[in-house]
Protein backbone atom coordinates (compact mmCIF):
# COMPACT_ATOMS: atom_id res chain seq x y z
CA UNK A 1 -7.70 155.73 -42.38
CA UNK A 2 -5.17 155.66 -45.26
CA UNK A 3 -4.53 152.77 -47.86
CA UNK A 4 -1.14 152.99 -49.11
CA UNK A 5 0.16 151.22 -52.30
CA UNK A 6 3.60 150.80 -53.92
CA UNK A 7 4.05 148.64 -56.76
CA UNK A 8 7.61 148.03 -58.19
CA UNK A 9 8.78 144.41 -58.96
CA UNK A 10 7.12 144.32 -62.63
CA UNK A 11 9.08 142.09 -64.67
CA UNK A 12 9.69 144.33 -67.84
CA UNK A 13 10.28 147.48 -66.04
CA UNK A 14 10.73 147.09 -62.00
CA UNK A 15 11.40 150.62 -60.25
CA UNK A 16 13.74 151.38 -57.69
CA UNK A 17 11.87 153.42 -55.34
CA UNK A 18 7.92 152.68 -54.88
CA UNK A 19 7.98 150.09 -51.89
CA UNK A 20 10.61 152.63 -50.30
CA UNK A 21 8.25 155.66 -51.36
CA UNK A 22 5.33 153.75 -49.52
CA UNK A 23 7.20 153.38 -46.27
CA UNK A 24 8.11 156.98 -45.90
CA UNK A 25 4.68 157.95 -46.52
CA UNK A 26 2.80 155.67 -44.57
CA UNK A 27 5.18 156.82 -41.86
CA UNK A 28 4.31 160.61 -41.93
CA UNK A 29 0.85 159.61 -41.85
CA UNK A 30 0.62 157.60 -38.73
CA UNK A 31 2.56 160.60 -37.24
CA UNK A 32 -0.06 162.77 -37.83
CA UNK A 33 -2.88 159.99 -36.96
CA UNK A 34 -4.09 157.86 -39.89
CA UNK A 35 -4.34 154.14 -39.47
CA UNK A 36 -2.37 152.79 -42.45
CA UNK A 37 -2.96 149.92 -44.41
CA UNK A 38 0.13 149.04 -46.72
CA UNK A 39 0.04 146.87 -49.83
CA UNK A 40 3.54 146.44 -51.83
CA UNK A 41 3.58 145.15 -55.17
CA UNK A 42 0.14 143.82 -55.57
CA UNK A 43 -1.16 142.08 -58.59
CA UNK A 44 -4.49 143.37 -60.28
CA UNK A 45 -6.22 141.06 -58.37
CA UNK A 46 -5.04 141.82 -54.77
CA UNK A 47 -5.44 145.54 -55.74
CA UNK A 48 -8.97 144.93 -57.02
CA UNK A 49 -9.25 143.20 -53.71
CA UNK A 50 -7.43 145.52 -50.90
CA UNK A 51 -9.36 148.79 -52.22
CA UNK A 52 -12.78 146.80 -51.65
CA UNK A 53 -11.53 145.75 -48.65
CA UNK A 54 -10.23 148.91 -47.37
CA UNK A 55 -13.34 150.48 -48.18
CA UNK A 56 -15.59 148.55 -45.77
CA UNK A 57 -13.27 148.95 -43.31
CA UNK A 58 -13.78 153.23 -43.94
CA UNK A 59 -17.12 152.73 -44.24
CA UNK A 60 -18.68 156.20 -42.77
CA UNK A 61 -15.07 157.72 -41.80
CA UNK A 62 -14.60 161.50 -41.92
CA UNK A 63 -11.47 161.39 -44.25
CA UNK A 64 -9.88 158.44 -46.34
CA UNK A 65 -6.46 159.11 -48.29
CA UNK A 66 -4.86 156.52 -51.15
CA UNK A 67 -1.27 156.96 -51.92
CA UNK A 68 0.26 155.25 -55.16
CA UNK A 69 3.61 154.84 -55.92
CA UNK A 70 4.21 152.63 -59.23
CA UNK A 71 3.33 152.47 -63.03
CA UNK A 72 0.20 154.25 -64.40
CA UNK A 73 -0.78 154.98 -67.59
CA UNK A 74 -3.51 156.58 -69.79
CA UNK A 75 -5.18 154.16 -72.06
CA UNK A 76 -8.05 154.10 -74.15
CA UNK A 77 -11.56 153.47 -72.74
CA UNK A 78 -15.14 153.51 -73.24
CA UNK A 79 -14.21 156.09 -76.03
CA UNK A 80 -11.50 157.85 -74.52
CA UNK A 81 -8.55 157.91 -72.07
CA UNK A 82 -8.67 156.88 -68.56
CA UNK A 83 -6.16 156.72 -65.78
CA UNK A 84 -5.17 152.92 -64.96
CA UNK A 85 -2.91 152.19 -61.69
CA UNK A 86 -0.90 149.03 -62.94
CA UNK A 87 -0.88 145.78 -61.42
CA UNK A 88 2.74 144.28 -61.26
CA UNK A 89 1.36 141.24 -63.28
CA UNK A 90 0.99 143.47 -65.82
CA UNK A 91 3.51 144.17 -68.93
CA UNK A 92 3.93 147.23 -68.71
CA UNK A 93 6.22 147.66 -71.70
CA UNK A 94 3.16 146.28 -73.94
CA UNK A 95 1.65 148.35 -77.16
CA UNK A 96 -2.40 146.44 -76.22
CA UNK A 97 -4.11 148.83 -74.69
CA UNK A 98 -6.63 145.56 -74.04
CA UNK A 99 -3.67 143.89 -71.71
CA UNK A 100 -3.06 147.28 -69.78
CA UNK A 101 -6.63 147.75 -69.25
CA UNK A 102 -6.77 144.29 -67.58
CA UNK A 103 -3.64 144.77 -65.70
CA UNK A 104 -4.85 147.94 -64.91
CA UNK A 105 -7.04 149.30 -61.75
CA UNK A 106 -9.12 152.60 -63.06
CA UNK A 107 -8.32 155.41 -61.02
CA UNK A 108 -11.83 156.72 -61.13
CA UNK A 109 -13.08 153.71 -59.31
CA UNK A 110 -10.68 154.61 -56.58
CA UNK A 111 -12.13 157.61 -56.18
CA UNK A 112 -15.83 156.21 -56.62
CA UNK A 113 -15.24 153.50 -53.71
CA UNK A 114 -13.58 156.00 -51.46
CA UNK A 115 -16.53 158.29 -52.13
CA UNK A 116 -19.19 156.04 -51.42
CA UNK A 117 -17.77 154.96 -48.51
CA UNK A 118 -16.40 157.94 -46.67
CA UNK A 119 -17.25 161.69 -46.48
CA UNK A 120 -13.95 163.57 -47.73
CA UNK A 121 -11.36 161.68 -50.28
CA UNK A 122 -8.19 162.21 -50.90
CA UNK A 123 -6.19 160.53 -53.70
CA UNK A 124 -1.79 161.58 -54.14
CA UNK A 125 -1.07 159.33 -57.26
CA UNK A 126 2.78 159.00 -57.70
CA UNK A 127 2.75 157.26 -61.37
CA UNK A 128 4.01 157.94 -65.10
CA UNK A 129 7.94 156.69 -63.79
CA UNK A 130 9.96 157.53 -66.40
CA UNK A 131 11.56 154.47 -67.20
CA UNK A 132 13.58 154.77 -70.58
CA UNK A 133 12.32 151.01 -71.39
CA UNK A 134 9.09 152.47 -72.01
CA UNK A 135 8.28 153.98 -74.96
CA UNK A 136 4.71 153.27 -75.68
CA UNK A 137 2.39 156.75 -76.13
CA UNK A 138 -1.32 157.13 -75.68
CA UNK A 139 -2.93 160.12 -77.17
CA UNK A 140 0.45 161.71 -77.98
CA UNK A 141 1.30 162.37 -74.51
CA UNK A 142 3.03 159.29 -73.98
CA UNK A 143 2.71 157.07 -69.80
CA UNK A 144 1.39 160.24 -68.60
CA UNK A 145 -1.81 161.31 -67.05
CA UNK A 146 -5.00 162.57 -68.58
CA UNK A 147 -7.86 164.83 -66.88
CA UNK A 148 -9.55 163.71 -63.80
CA UNK A 149 -13.16 162.52 -64.11
CA UNK A 150 -14.58 165.15 -62.14
CA UNK A 151 -18.34 163.67 -62.28
CA UNK A 152 -17.21 160.60 -60.20
CA UNK A 153 -17.63 161.12 -55.95
CA UNK A 154 -17.64 164.36 -54.45
CA UNK A 155 -15.61 166.48 -51.80
CA UNK A 156 -12.34 164.96 -53.86
CA UNK A 157 -9.06 165.97 -53.68
CA UNK A 158 -6.59 164.22 -56.36
CA UNK A 159 -2.79 165.33 -56.04
CA UNK A 160 -0.72 164.23 -59.47
CA UNK A 161 3.18 163.83 -58.63
CA UNK A 162 3.48 165.63 -62.30
CA UNK A 163 1.37 167.92 -64.61
CA UNK A 164 -1.01 166.02 -67.02
CA UNK A 165 1.30 165.33 -70.30
CA UNK A 166 4.12 164.53 -68.09
CA UNK A 167 6.61 162.25 -66.39
CA UNK A 168 7.57 161.65 -63.01
CA UNK A 169 11.59 160.88 -61.92
CA UNK A 170 11.76 157.62 -59.92
CA UNK A 171 14.57 159.08 -58.06
CA UNK A 172 17.65 157.75 -57.08
CA UNK A 173 17.73 154.47 -55.87
CA UNK A 174 16.70 154.12 -52.23
CA UNK A 175 16.35 157.49 -51.68
CA UNK A 176 12.88 157.52 -52.36
CA UNK A 177 11.27 159.79 -55.55
CA UNK A 178 11.32 163.29 -55.00
CA UNK A 179 7.52 163.63 -54.78
CA UNK A 180 7.32 160.97 -52.36
CA UNK A 181 10.26 162.89 -49.85
CA UNK A 182 8.17 166.45 -50.86
CA UNK A 183 4.79 165.25 -49.68
CA UNK A 184 5.97 163.24 -46.46
CA UNK A 185 7.57 166.53 -45.55
CA UNK A 186 4.96 168.96 -45.66
CA UNK A 187 1.56 167.00 -45.06
CA UNK A 188 2.65 166.51 -41.17
CA UNK A 189 2.86 170.33 -41.16
CA UNK A 190 0.58 171.86 -38.15
CA UNK A 191 -2.11 173.87 -39.03
CA UNK A 192 -1.30 173.80 -42.56
CA UNK A 193 -4.77 173.44 -44.96
CA UNK A 194 -3.69 169.91 -46.88
CA UNK A 195 -3.93 171.76 -50.23
CA UNK A 196 -1.78 174.03 -49.01
CA UNK A 197 0.94 171.34 -48.20
CA UNK A 198 0.50 170.24 -51.86
CA UNK A 199 1.65 173.66 -53.26
CA UNK A 200 4.81 173.37 -50.58
CA UNK A 201 5.70 170.30 -51.97
CA UNK A 202 5.38 171.61 -55.59
CA UNK A 203 7.68 173.53 -54.85
CA UNK A 204 9.96 171.92 -53.60
CA UNK A 205 9.81 168.85 -56.31
CA UNK A 206 10.25 171.80 -59.08
CA UNK A 207 13.07 173.01 -57.78
CA UNK A 208 14.60 169.89 -56.98
CA UNK A 209 14.30 168.76 -60.54
CA UNK A 210 14.46 172.22 -62.02
CA UNK A 211 11.75 172.76 -62.77
CA UNK A 212 11.66 168.95 -65.43
CA UNK A 213 8.77 168.13 -62.75
CA UNK A 214 5.53 169.93 -61.59
CA UNK A 215 3.14 168.20 -59.14
CA UNK A 216 -0.53 169.52 -59.79
CA UNK A 217 -3.96 169.16 -58.62
CA UNK A 218 -6.22 167.23 -60.79
CA UNK A 219 -8.99 167.83 -58.92
CA UNK A 220 -10.24 169.90 -55.55
CA UNK A 221 -13.82 170.15 -55.03
CA UNK A 222 -13.39 169.59 -51.10
CA UNK A 223 -16.26 171.46 -49.60
CA UNK A 224 -14.02 173.44 -47.41
CA UNK A 225 -10.90 174.01 -46.10
CA UNK A 226 -9.03 170.84 -44.83
CA UNK A 227 -6.73 170.86 -42.07
CA UNK A 228 -5.47 167.07 -41.40
CA UNK A 229 -3.00 168.44 -38.59
CA UNK A 230 -4.66 170.86 -36.20
CA UNK A 231 -2.43 173.93 -34.94
CA UNK A 232 -2.86 173.91 -31.34
CA UNK A 233 -0.43 177.54 -31.10
CA UNK A 234 -3.46 179.29 -32.31
CA UNK A 235 -4.20 181.51 -29.16
CA UNK A 236 -0.02 182.13 -28.87
CA UNK A 237 0.08 183.49 -32.62
CA UNK A 238 -3.57 185.31 -31.86
CA UNK A 239 -1.29 187.21 -29.13
CA UNK A 240 1.28 187.37 -31.18
CA UNK A 241 -0.67 189.50 -34.08
CA UNK A 242 -2.47 191.69 -31.51
CA UNK A 243 1.11 192.62 -30.86
CA UNK A 244 2.12 193.59 -34.35
CA UNK A 245 -1.29 195.23 -34.38
CA UNK A 246 -1.45 195.77 -38.21
CA UNK A 247 -4.07 194.54 -40.66
CA UNK A 248 -1.73 192.16 -42.71
CA UNK A 249 -0.70 190.33 -39.28
CA UNK A 250 -4.29 189.94 -38.70
CA UNK A 251 -5.05 188.45 -42.54
CA UNK A 252 -2.32 186.31 -42.22
CA UNK A 253 -3.53 184.81 -38.64
CA UNK A 254 -6.94 184.28 -40.83
CA UNK A 255 -4.88 182.34 -43.49
CA UNK A 256 -2.74 180.41 -41.44
CA UNK A 257 -5.74 179.54 -38.38
CA UNK A 258 -8.89 179.39 -40.56
CA UNK A 259 -10.32 176.82 -38.35
CA UNK A 260 -9.28 179.08 -34.74
CA UNK A 261 -12.17 180.23 -32.46
CA UNK A 262 -10.02 183.56 -32.93
CA UNK A 263 -10.72 183.90 -36.51
CA UNK A 264 -13.65 185.94 -36.85
CA UNK A 265 -11.98 188.29 -34.34
CA UNK A 266 -9.39 188.84 -36.25
CA UNK A 267 -11.03 189.19 -39.26
CA UNK A 268 -12.82 192.20 -37.46
CA UNK A 269 -9.81 193.65 -36.66
CA UNK A 270 -8.08 193.45 -39.97
CA UNK A 271 -11.20 194.99 -41.80
CA UNK A 272 -11.46 198.47 -39.08
CA UNK A 273 -7.47 198.19 -39.44
CA UNK A 274 -7.39 198.43 -42.95
CA UNK A 275 -10.23 201.04 -43.57
CA UNK A 276 -7.85 202.69 -40.95
CA UNK A 277 -4.99 202.43 -43.29
CA UNK A 278 -2.88 201.49 -39.67
CA UNK A 279 0.61 199.85 -40.89
CA UNK A 280 2.71 200.78 -37.76
CA UNK A 281 2.95 198.68 -33.89
CA UNK A 282 4.64 198.32 -31.37
CA UNK A 283 6.42 194.97 -32.75
CA UNK A 284 7.46 197.02 -36.10
CA UNK A 285 10.90 197.78 -36.63
CA UNK A 286 10.88 202.18 -35.97
CA UNK A 287 12.61 202.07 -39.70
CA UNK A 288 10.08 199.86 -41.39
CA UNK A 289 9.18 201.52 -44.27
CA UNK A 290 5.66 202.63 -44.94
CA UNK A 291 3.49 200.32 -46.48
CA UNK A 292 5.33 197.37 -45.09
CA UNK A 293 5.67 195.31 -41.56
CA UNK A 294 8.95 194.38 -39.78
CA UNK A 295 8.30 191.06 -37.96
CA UNK A 296 10.78 189.39 -35.71
CA UNK A 297 11.39 185.74 -36.76
CA UNK A 298 9.35 184.25 -34.03
CA UNK A 299 6.14 186.14 -34.94
CA UNK A 300 6.83 185.79 -38.28
CA UNK A 301 7.03 181.46 -37.74
CA UNK A 302 3.46 181.75 -36.51
CA UNK A 303 1.72 184.32 -39.03
CA UNK A 304 3.72 183.08 -42.12
CA UNK A 305 3.67 179.11 -42.97
CA UNK A 306 4.96 179.69 -46.60
CA UNK A 307 8.83 180.33 -45.04
CA UNK A 308 10.47 177.31 -43.80
CA UNK A 309 12.06 177.95 -40.00
CA UNK A 310 15.48 177.08 -41.23
CA UNK A 311 15.31 178.60 -44.64
CA UNK A 312 15.32 182.24 -41.75
CA UNK A 313 18.68 182.44 -40.02
CA UNK A 314 18.78 186.53 -40.38
CA UNK A 315 17.75 188.90 -37.79
CA UNK A 316 14.39 190.08 -39.53
CA UNK A 317 12.31 188.86 -42.17
CA UNK A 318 10.47 191.48 -43.86
CA UNK A 319 7.06 192.16 -45.01
CA UNK A 320 7.39 194.55 -48.20
CA UNK A 321 5.19 195.88 -50.98
CA UNK A 322 4.21 193.99 -54.48
CA UNK A 323 2.42 195.56 -57.30
CA UNK A 324 1.12 193.80 -59.82
CA UNK A 325 0.99 195.82 -63.10
CA UNK A 326 -0.82 194.10 -66.08
CA UNK A 327 -1.23 196.57 -69.77
CA UNK A 328 -4.17 197.58 -71.10
CA UNK A 329 -5.26 195.53 -74.40
CA UNK A 330 -7.76 196.28 -77.07
CA UNK A 331 -10.77 194.31 -74.71
CA UNK A 332 -9.35 194.91 -71.09
CA UNK A 333 -8.53 197.81 -68.85
CA UNK A 334 -4.66 197.45 -67.72
CA UNK A 335 -4.55 196.56 -63.77
CA UNK A 336 -2.90 197.10 -60.62
CA UNK A 337 -3.26 194.87 -58.16
CA UNK A 338 -1.34 195.20 -54.44
CA UNK A 339 0.72 192.19 -52.81
CA UNK A 340 3.21 191.22 -50.42
CA UNK A 341 6.81 190.24 -50.67
CA UNK A 342 8.47 188.18 -47.87
CA UNK A 343 12.35 188.64 -47.70
CA UNK A 344 14.34 186.44 -45.93
CA UNK A 345 18.16 184.80 -45.81
CA UNK A 346 18.26 181.28 -46.77
CA UNK A 347 21.47 178.39 -47.19
CA UNK A 348 22.08 177.34 -50.44
CA UNK A 349 24.91 175.70 -51.98
CA UNK A 350 26.55 178.01 -54.91
CA UNK A 351 27.09 174.77 -57.10
CA UNK A 352 30.32 173.23 -57.76
CA UNK A 353 30.09 171.38 -54.74
CA UNK A 354 30.29 173.69 -52.29
CA UNK A 355 29.01 173.82 -48.88
CA UNK A 356 25.84 176.12 -48.44
CA UNK A 357 25.91 179.50 -47.86
CA UNK A 358 23.35 182.56 -47.74
CA UNK A 359 21.47 183.19 -50.10
CA UNK A 360 18.25 185.89 -51.00
CA UNK A 361 14.72 184.88 -50.74
CA UNK A 362 11.60 186.49 -51.77
CA UNK A 363 8.27 184.82 -51.29
CA UNK A 364 5.78 187.06 -53.57
CA UNK A 365 1.89 186.77 -53.22
CA UNK A 366 -0.64 188.77 -55.53
CA UNK A 367 -3.88 187.69 -53.89
CA UNK A 368 -6.05 189.28 -55.95
CA UNK A 369 -5.00 187.38 -59.29
CA UNK A 370 -3.67 184.41 -57.19
CA UNK A 371 -0.27 184.52 -58.53
CA UNK A 372 3.04 183.40 -56.29
CA UNK A 373 6.46 184.08 -56.91
CA UNK A 374 9.63 182.90 -55.29
CA UNK A 375 12.55 184.63 -56.16
CA UNK A 376 16.22 183.09 -55.04
CA UNK A 377 19.20 185.22 -55.38
CA UNK A 378 22.26 183.68 -54.82
CA UNK A 379 26.51 183.44 -55.94
CA UNK A 380 27.44 180.87 -58.34
CA UNK A 381 30.56 178.85 -57.73
CA UNK A 382 30.65 176.32 -60.43
CA UNK A 383 32.93 177.03 -62.82
CA UNK A 384 31.57 175.52 -65.78
CA UNK A 385 28.87 178.14 -65.93
CA UNK A 386 29.71 181.52 -67.30
CA UNK A 387 27.80 183.52 -64.89
CA UNK A 388 28.80 185.00 -61.42
CA UNK A 389 25.17 184.83 -60.13
CA UNK A 390 22.24 183.41 -60.09
CA UNK A 391 18.53 184.91 -60.16
CA UNK A 392 16.18 181.85 -60.08
CA UNK A 393 12.17 182.65 -60.84
CA UNK A 394 9.39 180.27 -59.68
CA UNK A 395 5.78 181.33 -60.95
CA UNK A 396 2.72 179.51 -59.88
CA UNK A 397 -0.87 180.62 -61.64
CA UNK A 398 -4.13 179.22 -60.46
CA UNK A 399 -6.37 177.17 -62.73
CA UNK A 400 -8.24 179.40 -65.50
CA UNK A 401 -5.40 181.94 -64.91
CA UNK A 402 -6.72 184.44 -67.55
CA UNK A 403 -3.37 184.92 -69.25
CA UNK A 404 -2.89 181.06 -69.38
CA UNK A 405 0.38 180.99 -67.74
CA UNK A 406 3.75 182.98 -67.50
CA UNK A 407 5.20 181.99 -71.27
CA UNK A 408 8.29 184.85 -70.75
CA UNK A 409 10.32 186.61 -68.85
CA UNK A 410 12.01 190.15 -70.11
CA UNK A 411 15.16 191.76 -68.04
CA UNK A 412 15.18 191.87 -64.75
CA UNK A 413 15.69 196.13 -63.62
CA UNK A 414 16.46 197.84 -60.13
CA UNK A 415 15.10 201.61 -59.30
CA UNK A 416 14.57 203.61 -56.69
CA UNK A 417 10.98 204.33 -56.54
CA UNK A 418 8.46 202.45 -57.00
CA UNK A 419 7.42 205.00 -60.51
CA UNK A 420 10.73 205.09 -62.05
CA UNK A 421 11.62 203.06 -64.65
CA UNK A 422 14.32 200.53 -64.10
CA UNK A 423 17.88 200.13 -64.61
CA UNK A 424 18.73 196.53 -65.83
CA UNK A 425 20.78 193.89 -64.41
CA UNK A 426 23.13 192.91 -67.10
CA UNK A 427 22.74 189.06 -67.90
CA UNK A 428 20.47 186.74 -69.73
CA UNK A 429 16.89 185.36 -69.12
CA UNK A 430 16.26 181.67 -70.03
CA UNK A 431 12.90 179.65 -69.69
CA UNK A 432 13.81 176.39 -68.07
CA UNK A 433 10.33 175.17 -67.72
CA UNK A 434 6.84 176.47 -67.34
CA UNK A 435 7.04 179.23 -64.65
CA UNK A 436 10.66 178.34 -64.08
CA UNK A 437 12.95 180.75 -65.03
CA UNK A 438 16.37 181.64 -64.52
CA UNK A 439 18.84 185.10 -65.40
CA UNK A 440 22.37 184.68 -65.51
CA UNK A 441 24.48 187.45 -64.58
CA UNK A 442 27.46 188.54 -66.50
CA UNK A 443 31.23 187.63 -65.23
CA UNK A 444 32.61 190.06 -66.30
CA UNK A 445 34.50 192.09 -63.64
CA UNK A 446 33.32 195.68 -64.30
CA UNK A 447 29.22 193.91 -65.09
CA UNK A 448 29.53 192.10 -61.40
CA UNK A 449 30.54 195.22 -59.54
CA UNK A 450 27.83 197.29 -61.61
CA UNK A 451 25.14 194.41 -60.84
CA UNK A 452 26.05 194.14 -57.35
CA UNK A 453 25.50 198.04 -56.98
CA UNK A 454 22.53 198.05 -58.54
CA UNK A 455 20.87 195.10 -56.82
CA UNK A 456 22.65 196.52 -52.83
CA UNK A 457 21.97 200.17 -53.87
CA UNK A 458 18.19 200.45 -55.23
CA UNK A 459 15.16 199.94 -53.54
CA UNK A 460 12.81 198.25 -55.78
CA UNK A 461 12.76 195.08 -58.33
CA UNK A 462 10.98 195.44 -61.74
CA UNK A 463 9.99 191.66 -63.19
CA UNK A 464 8.52 192.28 -66.73
CA UNK A 465 6.40 188.84 -67.54
CA UNK A 466 4.59 188.04 -70.88
CA UNK A 467 1.52 185.47 -70.25
CA UNK A 468 1.10 182.70 -72.73
CA UNK A 469 -1.53 184.96 -74.26
CA UNK A 470 0.84 187.69 -74.96
CA UNK A 471 -0.17 189.72 -72.58
CA UNK A 472 2.51 192.13 -70.87
CA UNK A 473 3.08 192.70 -67.33
CA UNK A 474 5.22 193.90 -64.82
CA UNK A 475 5.78 192.58 -60.87
CA UNK A 476 7.37 195.49 -58.93
CA UNK A 477 8.99 194.11 -55.72
CA UNK A 478 10.02 196.68 -52.63
CA UNK A 479 12.77 195.60 -50.54
CA UNK A 480 12.33 197.85 -47.86
CA UNK A 481 14.57 198.68 -45.08
CA UNK A 482 15.24 195.35 -43.43
CA UNK A 483 14.80 193.57 -47.08
CA UNK A 484 17.98 196.06 -47.79
CA UNK A 485 20.08 194.80 -45.34
CA UNK A 486 19.30 190.85 -45.84
CA UNK A 487 20.45 191.94 -49.30
CA UNK A 488 23.29 193.80 -48.22
CA UNK A 489 24.37 191.30 -45.45
CA UNK A 490 24.13 188.34 -48.15
CA UNK A 491 26.41 190.37 -50.79
CA UNK A 492 28.93 191.35 -48.26
CA UNK A 493 29.38 187.40 -46.99
CA UNK A 494 29.83 186.91 -50.65
CA UNK A 495 32.66 189.03 -51.60
CA UNK A 496 33.90 189.47 -47.74
CA UNK A 497 34.04 193.18 -48.09
CA UNK A 498 32.21 196.34 -49.66
CA UNK A 499 35.00 196.81 -52.19
CA UNK A 500 33.22 196.09 -55.30
CA UNK A 501 31.94 199.33 -55.09
CA UNK A 502 35.68 200.63 -54.92
CA UNK A 503 36.85 198.35 -57.96
CA UNK A 504 33.75 199.64 -60.04
CA UNK A 505 35.16 203.41 -59.50
CA UNK A 506 38.22 202.24 -60.52
CA UNK A 507 37.08 200.55 -63.87
CA UNK A 508 36.24 204.23 -64.51
CA UNK A 509 32.24 203.40 -64.88
CA UNK A 510 30.23 206.53 -64.10
CA UNK A 511 28.03 207.26 -61.36
CA UNK A 512 24.72 208.42 -62.36
CA UNK A 513 24.74 211.79 -60.10
CA UNK A 514 22.83 210.45 -57.22
CA UNK A 515 25.21 208.12 -55.64
CA UNK A 516 23.92 205.25 -56.93
CA UNK A 517 25.27 202.55 -59.81
CA UNK A 518 26.35 203.67 -63.44
CA UNK A 519 23.64 204.86 -65.66
CA UNK A 520 22.70 203.09 -68.78
CA UNK A 521 19.96 204.02 -71.67
CA UNK A 522 18.64 199.98 -71.39
CA UNK A 523 15.27 199.43 -69.71
CA UNK A 524 13.18 196.79 -68.92
CA UNK A 525 11.12 196.00 -71.84
CA UNK A 526 8.17 198.28 -70.64
CA UNK A 527 8.09 201.70 -73.37
CA UNK A 528 9.32 204.62 -71.75
CA UNK A 529 9.57 208.46 -71.75
CA UNK A 530 12.22 211.10 -71.17
CA UNK A 531 10.95 213.86 -68.34
CA UNK A 532 12.51 217.28 -68.60
CA UNK A 533 15.50 216.44 -66.75
CA UNK A 534 17.19 213.88 -69.15
CA UNK A 535 16.01 210.51 -67.03
CA UNK A 536 14.10 208.00 -68.33
CA UNK A 537 10.31 208.08 -66.58
CA UNK A 538 7.52 205.41 -66.44
CA UNK A 539 4.69 207.37 -67.63
CA UNK A 540 4.42 205.79 -71.03
CA UNK A 541 4.07 202.38 -69.41
CA UNK A 542 1.52 203.81 -67.25
CA UNK A 543 -0.16 205.69 -70.29
CA UNK A 544 -0.17 202.23 -71.88
CA UNK A 545 -2.01 200.42 -68.68
CA UNK A 546 -4.30 202.98 -67.68
CA UNK A 547 -4.52 205.35 -70.19
CA UNK A 548 -3.60 208.27 -68.21
CA UNK A 549 -0.59 210.57 -68.26
């Protein structure tokens, strides 16, 4: 059962989209089997009455879901700030906390009412709308939410449309808020855990708002993974995992179908194959690099839920290697944590009102650190921006991440082998928002050719990062054979041909002697040394990490 509330008709500061949002969300929940009650433009008295009535009706149910779209504030109460969802009879521009408390429904009360009635409670709040007529502040954090009380109820997940301390976009009138649209698109996906569906919505909202709004899970103490839409194709997917026959394929099946009848079998096969170091199978491309898995798109659709089917028109999607190095400090040792990168070709507009065209996407996961990176490389056609190409990086780090988050990135570099020092791309990195970064590649013709040659010819990408704590790390990503094909195909479509290398030669830029792109003395920001051949090496960076030459 689900209770969906859309409050828009505030007299002093009306909102454009909550009624649209409530209908959008209700339709999505109906399609996956929820019995939905929709409440619109409710006063505080009606909010309280509807909550009581719904809790009584839902009593004994396995799952109940609450979705709220409207104004919501953090207001001082009982010695500290609490989150209130506002009835439409509230003067939301008021500076009186007593008035706001009177006309607001405490979010804690919703959690308590649901938790007492049902086994599992799902709460989603799209509040803190960015209405310019509301300027009041609570505790210096404006209208935004405060931390969710974890002492109320149990087996609860609370998803917020933006981070604690931030405000959320109401969106274009009649189109719906960015969060409501992303939530509705992802909550209906079959086989996806509800927390993973929320993370997919977070990625979509962050991308749409250029990092200014990042949804956040405010509380998650669910006792076990929860899938709202069972995946009926788990048997076929298991057959596909068997056909691929690799450790990674069985592990991917286990992540995708954690409640499947076949999951224990998949775990046993994964343990055996991982111990044996098996990476090859009849389903893998003969030219796939060691340590990577080339998988046909239909198989990938079943095994890799993080990739949208519409984003993958290229003939092969490749799962290649990724490694995250953390530097050694006075208090902790250096680390090297393996991961994976899934390369694909997607369609994105290059800007300037141009239609979508091929762009390059890498979804990078470092399971041992619970770190995710979405890397997108695309051409820039917006003539107001002095850049040839844009590299977008969106990092997601877990709650309690030891580094506190990704504070900055240094210069991205390309290299031929995992242990080599990288050749930097010529461009300017910039932080757009927490966890969201851009690199604007230079638009000088010779530098365009040099950058494109590096992207085309080098096999690994180095992304040096700095944590909030100041500790440095390096994420290095392998393109692999099939990943290189995806990159090359996109570059050729951007350029119309491979003439960039010819222009590079005509520009008089010298080669590095190995048939690769031009050399440079710059590095990625990690300390390097020079080997006996006069070429930079990564020895000193590894020494910094691990204390060995």
